[in-house]
Structure formats: structure tokens, C-alpha cells
Amino acid sequence: MPINLIGVCGGVETHGCDTTPFAPNGIDRAAMPMLKEQPDLSHLTDQYELTEDELDWTLRAVMDTHPAGEDIWIFGYGSLMWRPDFPFVDRRPARVHGFHRSFCVYSHVYRGTRERPGLVLGLDNGGSCSGVAYRVAAADALGAVEYLIRREMVTRVYMPRWVTARIDGKTVRAHTYTAAHNHVQYAGRLSEDEALRLILQGHGRSGPNTEYLANTVSHLDALGISDQPLRRLHRRAAHHAPADPV
């Protein structure tokens, strides 16, 4: 299946950064504005949990901004690197500009609870992030996105969006999830000591928070990605016993 390549200015999707009439894959640029749109999420309310109606509307909003009948790239920067749990036909190292990986999300479900939160990764504004991109066949795109909405938006702290990613020297449009700054679970920039405290105490539906940290670091190492803040946290966490689950 063809891969959609798009023009890039400063690593983010912009209009008017290339005046040539055709994109690298031969698509007429006049037909490309839709490819650069973000999903319309105006249907979402301020409820804590995503309703089935909101899930359906979110799924439609994402797929309405993806060309029908084409493969979809999905960018993972945390647990998706080792547990995608959706079918894919290709897996490649990728880099996204305009966002960076950060322990900026309080975990109330997978690695903690509302009463005793853990701390997990989110894509936050600024910088760049190296991770993994999965190419999902067009026939599986709808199911993969629905699965990800259910997984990532369980409490709506992650919002779906399109980003540009560099894969093997080419630029592709990829689906991912960024941290919502207006959500109660957005932690922002924490001190290393506070991040460590939350990671050591966190235990949720998917297990201990320390396991999440260790898996992230080991998979980044396997990809040859150096994330020194995460490595330092991992070294410090290794010297402490995680708290017992409550």
C-alpha cells in the first residue's frame, strides 16, 4: 500500500511550506489540506470517563481525517513500543518533532489509582521524541484506531492527533496521543524526586509502575535511543522496593 508523504516546516505539519505542485508521492498538493487536519474533538465533554457515544464520535473524527482505503501509521513512545496489541505489517524506528516524551501524566488506571496515582509517559509540547511507528493495513485501520481510543482515552487524559514522523529518511503522517493540559491527570513538569515517589508507589490494572519504567528503558535501549532522564530514574528506582499495592 502507498505511504503518504507530506511537506514539513520545522518538523510540524504546516500549510504553504512547499510551492511545488506535487507531494513526493505524486499527490496533488491542492488535494492535501484534508490530510493535515486534526480530528474535531468538540463533541467531548468534561466527564472523567469516555462514553460509548463519545468513543464513536472520536473514532469517526479520526477516520474522517484519514484517507479512506489507505494504510495508517501509528506512533508509539511508551507502552505501545512493547505492547501494541493491534495487527501491523511493518514496524520502524521513528522520530517526531514538536513533542517530547515526559513523565507528565498521573496514572489512575493502568499503573496507579485515583487514590494512589502512579506516573506514566505522555507526549508534551516542544522538542522531539524518538519511538516506534507501526504501519497498519488499510483493512485494519478502523479496528486499530478504535482499540487505541479505548486504551488511551479511558479517562481522556490523552488526545488523538496527527503528527509528522521521520522514518528511514522519509516523512509520514502518523496517528498518536498527546497529553491534555486541561485534564486533572496532567502532572506537568515534576521534580525527579516527586516523579520517583509516584513511580515507586504506583500499581494499577497493568501492574507496578516500576515495571512500566523498566520496560520503557529496555525498549529504548534496544532501539539505540538514549533518554538520559529516564535512565537516571530507572537507576534510582532500582535501589528501592516498590510499594505494596493497596
C-alpha atoms as a PDB file:
ATOM      1  CA  MET A   1       0.000   0.000   0.000  1.00  0.00           C
ATOM      2  CA  PRO A   2       1.251   3.550  -0.670  1.00  0.00           C
ATOM      3  CA  ILE A   3       2.697   5.663   2.127  1.00  0.00           C
ATOM      4  CA  ASN A   4       1.535   9.282   2.294  1.00  0.00           C
ATOM      5  CA  LEU A   5       4.470  11.667   2.369  1.00  0.00           C
ATOM      6  CA  ILE A   6       3.803  15.275   3.337  1.00  0.00           C
ATOM      7  CA  GLY A   7       5.645  18.579   3.320  1.00  0.00           C
ATOM      8  CA  VAL A   8       7.221  19.683   6.593  1.00  0.00           C
ATOM      9  CA  CYS A   9       8.322  23.022   8.041  1.00  0.00           C
ATOM     10  CA  GLY A  10      10.269  22.751  11.270  1.00  0.00           C
ATOM     11  CA  GLY A  11       9.073  19.194  11.802  1.00  0.00           C
ATOM     12  CA  VAL A  12       5.385  20.065  12.177  1.00  0.00           C
ATOM     13  CA  GLU A  13       2.551  19.973   9.683  1.00  0.00           C
ATOM     14  CA  THR A  14       2.072  23.397   8.138  1.00  0.00           C
ATOM     15  CA  HIS A  15       0.466  24.941   5.105  1.00  0.00           C
ATOM     16  CA  GLY A  16       2.432  26.674   2.384  1.00  0.00           C
ATOM     17  CA  CYS A  17       5.900  25.351   3.173  1.00  0.00           C
ATOM     18  CA  ASP A  18       6.426  23.942  -0.334  1.00  0.00           C
ATOM     19  CA  THR A  19       5.320  25.599  -3.529  1.00  0.00           C
ATOM     20  CA  THR A  20       5.852  22.606  -5.819  1.00  0.00           C
ATOM     21  CA  PRO A  21       2.571  21.326  -7.294  1.00  0.00           C
ATOM     22  CA  PHE A  22       3.003  17.703  -6.218  1.00  0.00           C
ATOM     23  CA  ALA A  23       3.970  15.975  -2.983  1.00  0.00           C
ATOM     24  CA  PRO A  24       6.821  13.398  -3.028  1.00  0.00           C
ATOM     25  CA  ASN A  25       4.324  10.579  -3.577  1.00  0.00           C
ATOM     26  CA  GLY A  26       2.708  12.316  -6.530  1.00  0.00           C
ATOM     27  CA  ILE A  27      -0.417  13.550  -4.745  1.00  0.00           C
ATOM     28  CA  ASP A  28      -1.605  16.945  -5.991  1.00  0.00           C
ATOM     29  CA  ARG A  29      -0.915  19.401  -3.177  1.00  0.00           C
ATOM     30  CA  ALA A  30      -4.225  21.122  -3.882  1.00  0.00           C
ATOM     31  CA  ALA A  31      -5.919  17.958  -2.630  1.00  0.00           C
ATOM     32  CA  MET A  32      -3.797  17.685   0.526  1.00  0.00           C
ATOM     33  CA  PRO A  33      -5.333  20.156   3.055  1.00  0.00           C
ATOM     34  CA  MET A  34      -7.629  17.427   4.426  1.00  0.00           C
ATOM     35  CA  LEU A  35      -4.594  15.280   5.161  1.00  0.00           C
ATOM     36  CA  LYS A  36      -3.271  17.965   7.514  1.00  0.00           C
ATOM     37  CA  GLU A  37      -6.448  18.474   9.531  1.00  0.00           C
ATOM     38  CA  GLN A  38      -6.657  17.377  13.156  1.00  0.00           C
ATOM     39  CA  PRO A  39      -9.665  15.396  14.431  1.00  0.00           C
ATOM     40  CA  ASP A  40     -12.595  17.558  15.537  1.00  0.00           C
ATOM     41  CA  LEU A  41     -12.988  16.729  19.233  1.00  0.00           C
ATOM     42  CA  SER A  42     -15.581  19.391  20.043  1.00  0.00           C
ATOM     43  CA  HIS A  43     -18.052  16.636  20.972  1.00  0.00           C
ATOM     44  CA  LEU A  44     -16.071  15.709  24.091  1.00  0.00           C
ATOM     45  CA  THR A  45     -17.450  16.894  27.424  1.00  0.00           C
ATOM     46  CA  ASP A  46     -15.647  17.370  30.723  1.00  0.00           C
ATOM     47  CA  GLN A  47     -16.745  13.990  32.067  1.00  0.00           C
ATOM     48  CA  TYR A  48     -13.960  11.870  33.519  1.00  0.00           C
ATOM     49  CA  GLU A  49     -14.689   8.706  31.553  1.00  0.00           C
ATOM     50  CA  LEU A  50     -15.292   8.378  27.820  1.00  0.00           C
ATOM     51  CA  THR A  51     -18.858   7.331  26.970  1.00  0.00           C
ATOM     52  CA  GLU A  52     -19.669   4.929  24.138  1.00  0.00           C
ATOM     53  CA  ASP A  53     -21.255   7.769  22.150  1.00  0.00           C
ATOM     54  CA  GLU A  54     -18.125   9.874  22.575  1.00  0.00           C
ATOM     55  CA  LEU A  55     -15.978   6.940  21.561  1.00  0.00           C
ATOM     56  CA  ASP A  56     -17.984   6.532  18.351  1.00  0.00           C
ATOM     57  CA  TRP A  57     -17.736  10.247  17.556  1.00  0.00           C
ATOM     58  CA  THR A  58     -13.993  10.303  18.327  1.00  0.00           C
ATOM     59  CA  LEU A  59     -13.410   7.307  16.074  1.00  0.00           C
ATOM     60  CA  ARG A  60     -15.350   8.998  13.289  1.00  0.00           C
ATOM     61  CA  ALA A  61     -13.420  12.257  13.823  1.00  0.00           C
ATOM     62  CA  VAL A  62     -10.080  10.468  13.472  1.00  0.00           C
ATOM     63  CA  MET A  63     -11.064   8.405  10.447  1.00  0.00           C
ATOM     64  CA  ASP A  64     -12.639  11.428   8.723  1.00  0.00           C
ATOM     65  CA  THR A  65      -9.156  12.957   8.660  1.00  0.00           C
ATOM     66  CA  HIS A  66      -7.501   9.837   7.237  1.00  0.00           C
ATOM     67  CA  PRO A  67      -7.709   8.988   3.513  1.00  0.00           C
ATOM     68  CA  ALA A  68     -10.118   6.091   3.039  1.00  0.00           C
ATOM     69  CA  GLY A  69      -8.590   2.851   1.815  1.00  0.00           C
ATOM     70  CA  GLU A  70      -5.015   3.709   2.785  1.00  0.00           C
ATOM     71  CA  ASP A  71      -2.655   2.245   5.376  1.00  0.00           C
ATOM     72  CA  ILE A  72      -2.189   4.177   8.607  1.00  0.00           C
ATOM     73  CA  TRP A  73       0.994   4.833  10.589  1.00  0.00           C
ATOM     74  CA  ILE A  74       0.720   4.796  14.401  1.00  0.00           C
ATOM     75  CA  PHE A  75       3.467   6.329  16.563  1.00  0.00           C
ATOM     76  CA  GLY A  76       4.304   4.819  19.948  1.00  0.00           C
ATOM     77  CA  TYR A  77       6.611   6.363  22.556  1.00  0.00           C
ATOM     78  CA  GLY A  78       5.760   4.422  25.739  1.00  0.00           C
ATOM     79  CA  SER A  79       3.947   1.137  26.272  1.00  0.00           C
ATOM     80  CA  LEU A  80       2.984   0.926  22.587  1.00  0.00           C
ATOM     81  CA  MET A  81       6.650   0.228  21.867  1.00  0.00           C
ATOM     82  CA  TRP A  82       6.418  -3.190  23.533  1.00  0.00           C
ATOM     83  CA  ARG A  83       2.683  -3.894  23.665  1.00  0.00           C
ATOM     84  CA  PRO A  84       0.878  -2.564  20.605  1.00  0.00           C
ATOM     85  CA  ASP A  85      -1.859  -5.233  20.707  1.00  0.00           C
ATOM     86  CA  PHE A  86      -3.128  -4.441  17.211  1.00  0.00           C
ATOM     87  CA  PRO A  87      -2.177  -6.031  13.876  1.00  0.00           C
ATOM     88  CA  PHE A  88       0.534  -4.310  11.836  1.00  0.00           C
ATOM     89  CA  VAL A  89       2.505  -5.034   8.693  1.00  0.00           C
ATOM     90  CA  ASP A  90       5.650  -3.039   9.447  1.00  0.00           C
ATOM     91  CA  ARG A  91       7.471  -1.628  12.478  1.00  0.00           C
ATOM     92  CA  ARG A  92      10.151   1.056  12.179  1.00  0.00           C
ATOM     93  CA  PRO A  93      12.113   3.425  14.428  1.00  0.00           C
ATOM     94  CA  ALA A  94      10.666   6.920  14.049  1.00  0.00           C
ATOM     95  CA  ARG A  95      11.183  10.450  15.292  1.00  0.00           C
ATOM     96  CA  VAL A  96       8.542  13.121  15.853  1.00  0.00           C
ATOM     97  CA  HIS A  97       9.323  16.818  16.186  1.00  0.00           C
ATOM     98  CA  GLY A  98       7.252  19.318  18.122  1.00  0.00           C
ATOM     99  CA  PHE A  99       6.655  16.995  21.095  1.00  0.00           C
ATOM    100  CA  HIS A 100       8.838  15.254  23.666  1.00  0.00           C
ATOM    101  CA  ARG A 101       8.413  12.171  25.875  1.00  0.00           C
ATOM    102  CA  SER A 102       7.755  13.115  29.505  1.00  0.00           C
ATOM    103  CA  PHE A 103       6.515  11.569  32.732  1.00  0.00           C
ATOM    104  CA  CYS A 104       3.734  14.138  32.828  1.00  0.00           C
ATOM    105  CA  VAL A 105       0.564  12.066  33.357  1.00  0.00           C
ATOM    106  CA  TYR A 106      -0.774  10.804  36.682  1.00  0.00           C
ATOM    107  CA  SER A 107      -1.912   7.208  36.203  1.00  0.00           C
ATOM    108  CA  HIS A 108      -5.328   6.420  37.680  1.00  0.00           C
ATOM    109  CA  VAL A 109      -5.947   3.108  35.894  1.00  0.00           C
ATOM    110  CA  TYR A 110      -3.073   1.134  34.373  1.00  0.00           C
ATOM    111  CA  ARG A 111      -0.210   1.966  36.763  1.00  0.00           C
ATOM    112  CA  GLY A 112      -1.999   3.563  39.688  1.00  0.00           C
ATOM    113  CA  THR A 113      -5.366   4.551  41.104  1.00  0.00           C
ATOM    114  CA  ARG A 114      -7.149   7.831  41.760  1.00  0.00           C
ATOM    115  CA  GLU A 115      -6.413   7.419  45.464  1.00  0.00           C
ATOM    116  CA  ARG A 116      -2.783   6.434  44.919  1.00  0.00           C
ATOM    117  CA  PRO A 117      -1.674   7.603  41.469  1.00  0.00           C
ATOM    118  CA  GLY A 118       1.299   6.401  39.537  1.00  0.00           C
ATOM    119  CA  LEU A 119       3.091   8.342  36.800  1.00  0.00           C
ATOM    120  CA  VAL A 120       3.242   7.484  33.102  1.00  0.00           C
ATOM    121  CA  LEU A 121       4.523   8.999  29.897  1.00  0.00           C
ATOM    122  CA  GLY A 122       2.820  11.471  27.646  1.00  0.00           C
ATOM    123  CA  LEU A 123       3.776  13.449  24.576  1.00  0.00           C
ATOM    124  CA  ASP A 124       4.141  17.029  25.771  1.00  0.00           C
ATOM    125  CA  ASN A 125       4.767  20.196  23.802  1.00  0.00           C
ATOM    126  CA  GLY A 126       8.196  21.075  22.472  1.00  0.00           C
ATOM    127  CA  GLY A 127      11.361  19.280  21.434  1.00  0.00           C
ATOM    128  CA  SER A 128      11.344  15.910  19.709  1.00  0.00           C
ATOM    129  CA  CYS A 129      10.697  12.268  20.516  1.00  0.00           C
ATOM    130  CA  SER A 130      12.126   9.028  19.174  1.00  0.00           C
ATOM    131  CA  GLY A 131       9.982   5.924  19.297  1.00  0.00           C
ATOM    132  CA  VAL A 132       8.377   3.287  17.098  1.00  0.00           C
ATOM    133  CA  ALA A 133       5.994   3.660  14.154  1.00  0.00           C
ATOM    134  CA  TYR A 134       3.698   0.834  13.096  1.00  0.00           C
ATOM    135  CA  ARG A 135       2.169   0.630   9.636  1.00  0.00           C
ATOM    136  CA  VAL A 136      -1.317  -0.847   9.841  1.00  0.00           C
ATOM    137  CA  ALA A 137      -3.014  -2.176   6.714  1.00  0.00           C
ATOM    138  CA  ALA A 138      -5.989  -0.177   5.487  1.00  0.00           C
ATOM    139  CA  ALA A 139      -8.342  -3.064   6.259  1.00  0.00           C
ATOM    140  CA  ASP A 140      -7.261  -2.998   9.913  1.00  0.00           C
ATOM    141  CA  ALA A 141      -7.036   0.781  10.371  1.00  0.00           C
ATOM    142  CA  LEU A 142     -10.526   1.308  11.807  1.00  0.00           C
ATOM    143  CA  GLY A 143     -10.171  -1.515  14.320  1.00  0.00           C
ATOM    144  CA  ALA A 144      -6.708  -0.383  15.408  1.00  0.00           C
ATOM    145  CA  VAL A 145      -7.817   3.203  15.997  1.00  0.00           C
ATOM    146  CA  GLU A 146     -10.923   2.076  17.917  1.00  0.00           C
ATOM    147  CA  TYR A 147      -8.739  -0.135  20.104  1.00  0.00           C
ATOM    148  CA  LEU A 148      -6.342   2.754  20.772  1.00  0.00           C
ATOM    149  CA  ILE A 149      -9.136   5.162  21.657  1.00  0.00           C
ATOM    150  CA  ARG A 150     -10.467   2.670  24.200  1.00  0.00           C
ATOM    151  CA  ARG A 151      -6.980   2.088  25.584  1.00  0.00           C
ATOM    152  CA  GLU A 152      -5.567   5.615  25.613  1.00  0.00           C
ATOM    153  CA  MET A 153      -8.701   7.667  26.272  1.00  0.00           C
ATOM    154  CA  VAL A 154     -10.096   5.614  29.146  1.00  0.00           C
ATOM    155  CA  THR A 155     -10.029   8.825  31.257  1.00  0.00           C
ATOM    156  CA  ARG A 156      -9.410  11.269  28.349  1.00  0.00           C
ATOM    157  CA  VAL A 157      -6.028  12.471  29.546  1.00  0.00           C
ATOM    158  CA  TYR A 158      -4.666  11.548  26.102  1.00  0.00           C
ATOM    159  CA  MET A 159      -5.997  13.232  22.968  1.00  0.00           C
ATOM    160  CA  PRO A 160      -5.696  11.748  19.445  1.00  0.00           C
ATOM    161  CA  ARG A 161      -3.849  13.806  16.873  1.00  0.00           C
ATOM    162  CA  TRP A 162      -1.795  13.571  13.714  1.00  0.00           C
ATOM    163  CA  VAL A 163       1.935  14.271  13.802  1.00  0.00           C
ATOM    164  CA  THR A 164       4.692  14.117  11.242  1.00  0.00           C
ATOM    165  CA  ALA A 165       7.308  11.432  11.773  1.00  0.00           C
ATOM    166  CA  ARG A 166      10.647  10.737  10.132  1.00  0.00           C
ATOM    167  CA  ILE A 167      11.032   7.090   9.136  1.00  0.00           C
ATOM    168  CA  ASP A 168      14.063   5.931   7.144  1.00  0.00           C
ATOM    169  CA  GLY A 169      14.663   9.429   5.841  1.00  0.00           C
ATOM    170  CA  LYS A 170      11.050   9.917   4.728  1.00  0.00           C
ATOM    171  CA  THR A 171       8.308  11.992   6.320  1.00  0.00           C
ATOM    172  CA  VAL A 172       4.989  10.275   7.062  1.00  0.00           C
ATOM    173  CA  ARG A 173       1.798  11.319   8.762  1.00  0.00           C
ATOM    174  CA  ALA A 174       1.214   9.314  11.946  1.00  0.00           C
ATOM    175  CA  HIS A 175      -1.579   8.874  14.467  1.00  0.00           C
ATOM    176  CA  THR A 176      -0.645   9.277  18.133  1.00  0.00           C
ATOM    177  CA  TYR A 177      -1.885  10.530  21.511  1.00  0.00           C
ATOM    178  CA  THR A 178      -0.690  13.663  23.323  1.00  0.00           C
ATOM    179  CA  ALA A 179      -1.208  14.792  26.914  1.00  0.00           C
ATOM    180  CA  ALA A 180      -4.232  17.029  27.561  1.00  0.00           C
ATOM    181  CA  HIS A 181      -3.054  20.017  29.615  1.00  0.00           C
ATOM    182  CA  ASN A 182      -6.537  20.818  30.927  1.00  0.00           C
ATOM    183  CA  HIS A 183      -7.070  17.370  32.449  1.00  0.00           C
ATOM    184  CA  VAL A 184      -6.851  16.627  36.169  1.00  0.00           C
ATOM    185  CA  GLN A 185      -4.323  13.875  35.408  1.00  0.00           C
ATOM    186  CA  TYR A 186      -1.884  16.208  33.644  1.00  0.00           C
ATOM    187  CA  ALA A 187       1.069  16.478  36.019  1.00  0.00           C
ATOM    188  CA  GLY A 188       3.212  18.866  34.018  1.00  0.00           C
ATOM    189  CA  ARG A 189       6.893  19.058  34.795  1.00  0.00           C
ATOM    190  CA  LEU A 190       7.658  17.376  38.121  1.00  0.00           C
ATOM    191  CA  SER A 191      10.902  17.190  40.041  1.00  0.00           C
ATOM    192  CA  GLU A 192      12.800  13.940  39.690  1.00  0.00           C
ATOM    193  CA  ASP A 193      12.205  13.179  43.372  1.00  0.00           C
ATOM    194  CA  GLU A 194       8.447  13.575  43.003  1.00  0.00           C
ATOM    195  CA  ALA A 195       8.394  11.508  39.824  1.00  0.00           C
ATOM    196  CA  LEU A 196      10.319   8.743  41.600  1.00  0.00           C
ATOM    197  CA  ARG A 197       7.932   8.818  44.570  1.00  0.00           C
ATOM    198  CA  LEU A 198       4.902   8.374  42.307  1.00  0.00           C
ATOM    199  CA  ILE A 199       6.547   5.618  40.258  1.00  0.00           C
ATOM    200  CA  LEU A 200       7.528   3.694  43.383  1.00  0.00           C
ATOM    201  CA  GLN A 201       4.011   3.877  44.834  1.00  0.00           C
ATOM    202  CA  GLY A 202       2.081   3.272  41.612  1.00  0.00           C
ATOM    203  CA  HIS A 203       0.332  -0.048  40.998  1.00  0.00           C
ATOM    204  CA  GLY A 204      -2.676  -0.401  38.711  1.00  0.00           C
ATOM    205  CA  ARG A 205      -4.568  -2.671  36.357  1.00  0.00           C
ATOM    206  CA  SER A 206      -1.441  -3.450  34.298  1.00  0.00           C
ATOM    207  CA  GLY A 207       0.906  -3.952  37.251  1.00  0.00           C
ATOM    208  CA  PRO A 208       3.566  -1.950  39.096  1.00  0.00           C
ATOM    209  CA  ASN A 209       4.699   1.430  37.802  1.00  0.00           C
ATOM    210  CA  THR A 210       8.342   0.393  38.195  1.00  0.00           C
ATOM    211  CA  GLU A 211       7.743  -2.359  35.595  1.00  0.00           C
ATOM    212  CA  TYR A 212       6.430   0.268  33.157  1.00  0.00           C
ATOM    213  CA  LEU A 213       9.582   2.347  33.666  1.00  0.00           C
ATOM    214  CA  ALA A 214      11.863  -0.675  33.241  1.00  0.00           C
ATOM    215  CA  ASN A 215      10.092  -1.812  30.058  1.00  0.00           C
ATOM    216  CA  THR A 216      10.311   1.660  28.555  1.00  0.00           C
ATOM    217  CA  VAL A 217      14.034   1.980  29.237  1.00  0.00           C
ATOM    218  CA  SER A 218      14.848  -1.524  27.970  1.00  0.00           C
ATOM    219  CA  HIS A 219      12.971  -0.981  24.708  1.00  0.00           C
ATOM    220  CA  LEU A 220      14.558   2.416  24.172  1.00  0.00           C
ATOM    221  CA  ASP A 221      17.954   0.785  24.709  1.00  0.00           C
ATOM    222  CA  ALA A 222      17.094  -1.944  22.201  1.00  0.00           C
ATOM    223  CA  LEU A 223      16.283   0.766  19.640  1.00  0.00           C
ATOM    224  CA  GLY A 224      19.522   2.602  20.385  1.00  0.00           C
ATOM    225  CA  ILE A 225      17.628   5.596  21.797  1.00  0.00           C
ATOM    226  CA  SER A 226      19.336   7.405  24.647  1.00  0.00           C
ATOM    227  CA  ASP A 227      16.894   9.017  27.095  1.00  0.00           C
ATOM    228  CA  GLN A 228      19.096  10.023  29.999  1.00  0.00           C
ATOM    229  CA  PRO A 229      16.341  11.342  32.335  1.00  0.00           C
ATOM    230  CA  LEU A 230      14.506   8.005  32.091  1.00  0.00           C
ATOM    231  CA  ARG A 231      17.706   6.031  32.596  1.00  0.00           C
ATOM    232  CA  ARG A 232      18.508   8.064  35.698  1.00  0.00           C
ATOM    233  CA  LEU A 233      15.023   7.464  37.096  1.00  0.00           C
ATOM    234  CA  HIS A 234      15.379   3.757  36.372  1.00  0.00           C
ATOM    235  CA  ARG A 235      18.725   3.567  38.189  1.00  0.00           C
ATOM    236  CA  ARG A 236      17.265   5.322  41.211  1.00  0.00           C
ATOM    237  CA  ALA A 237      14.141   3.167  41.225  1.00  0.00           C
ATOM    238  CA  ALA A 238      16.270   0.003  41.130  1.00  0.00           C
ATOM    239  CA  HIS A 239      17.619   0.902  44.574  1.00  0.00           C
ATOM    240  CA  HIS A 240      14.149   0.990  46.124  1.00  0.00           C
ATOM    241  CA  ALA A 241      11.496  -1.632  46.627  1.00  0.00           C
ATOM    242  CA  PRO A 242       8.177  -0.637  45.040  1.00  0.00           C
ATOM    243  CA  ALA A 243       5.340  -0.040  47.470  1.00  0.00           C
ATOM    244  CA  ASP A 244       2.859  -2.859  48.035  1.00  0.00           C
ATOM    245  CA  PRO A 245      -0.411  -2.455  46.093  1.00  0.00           C
ATOM    246  CA  VAL A 246      -3.321  -1.173  48.108  1.00  0.00           C
END
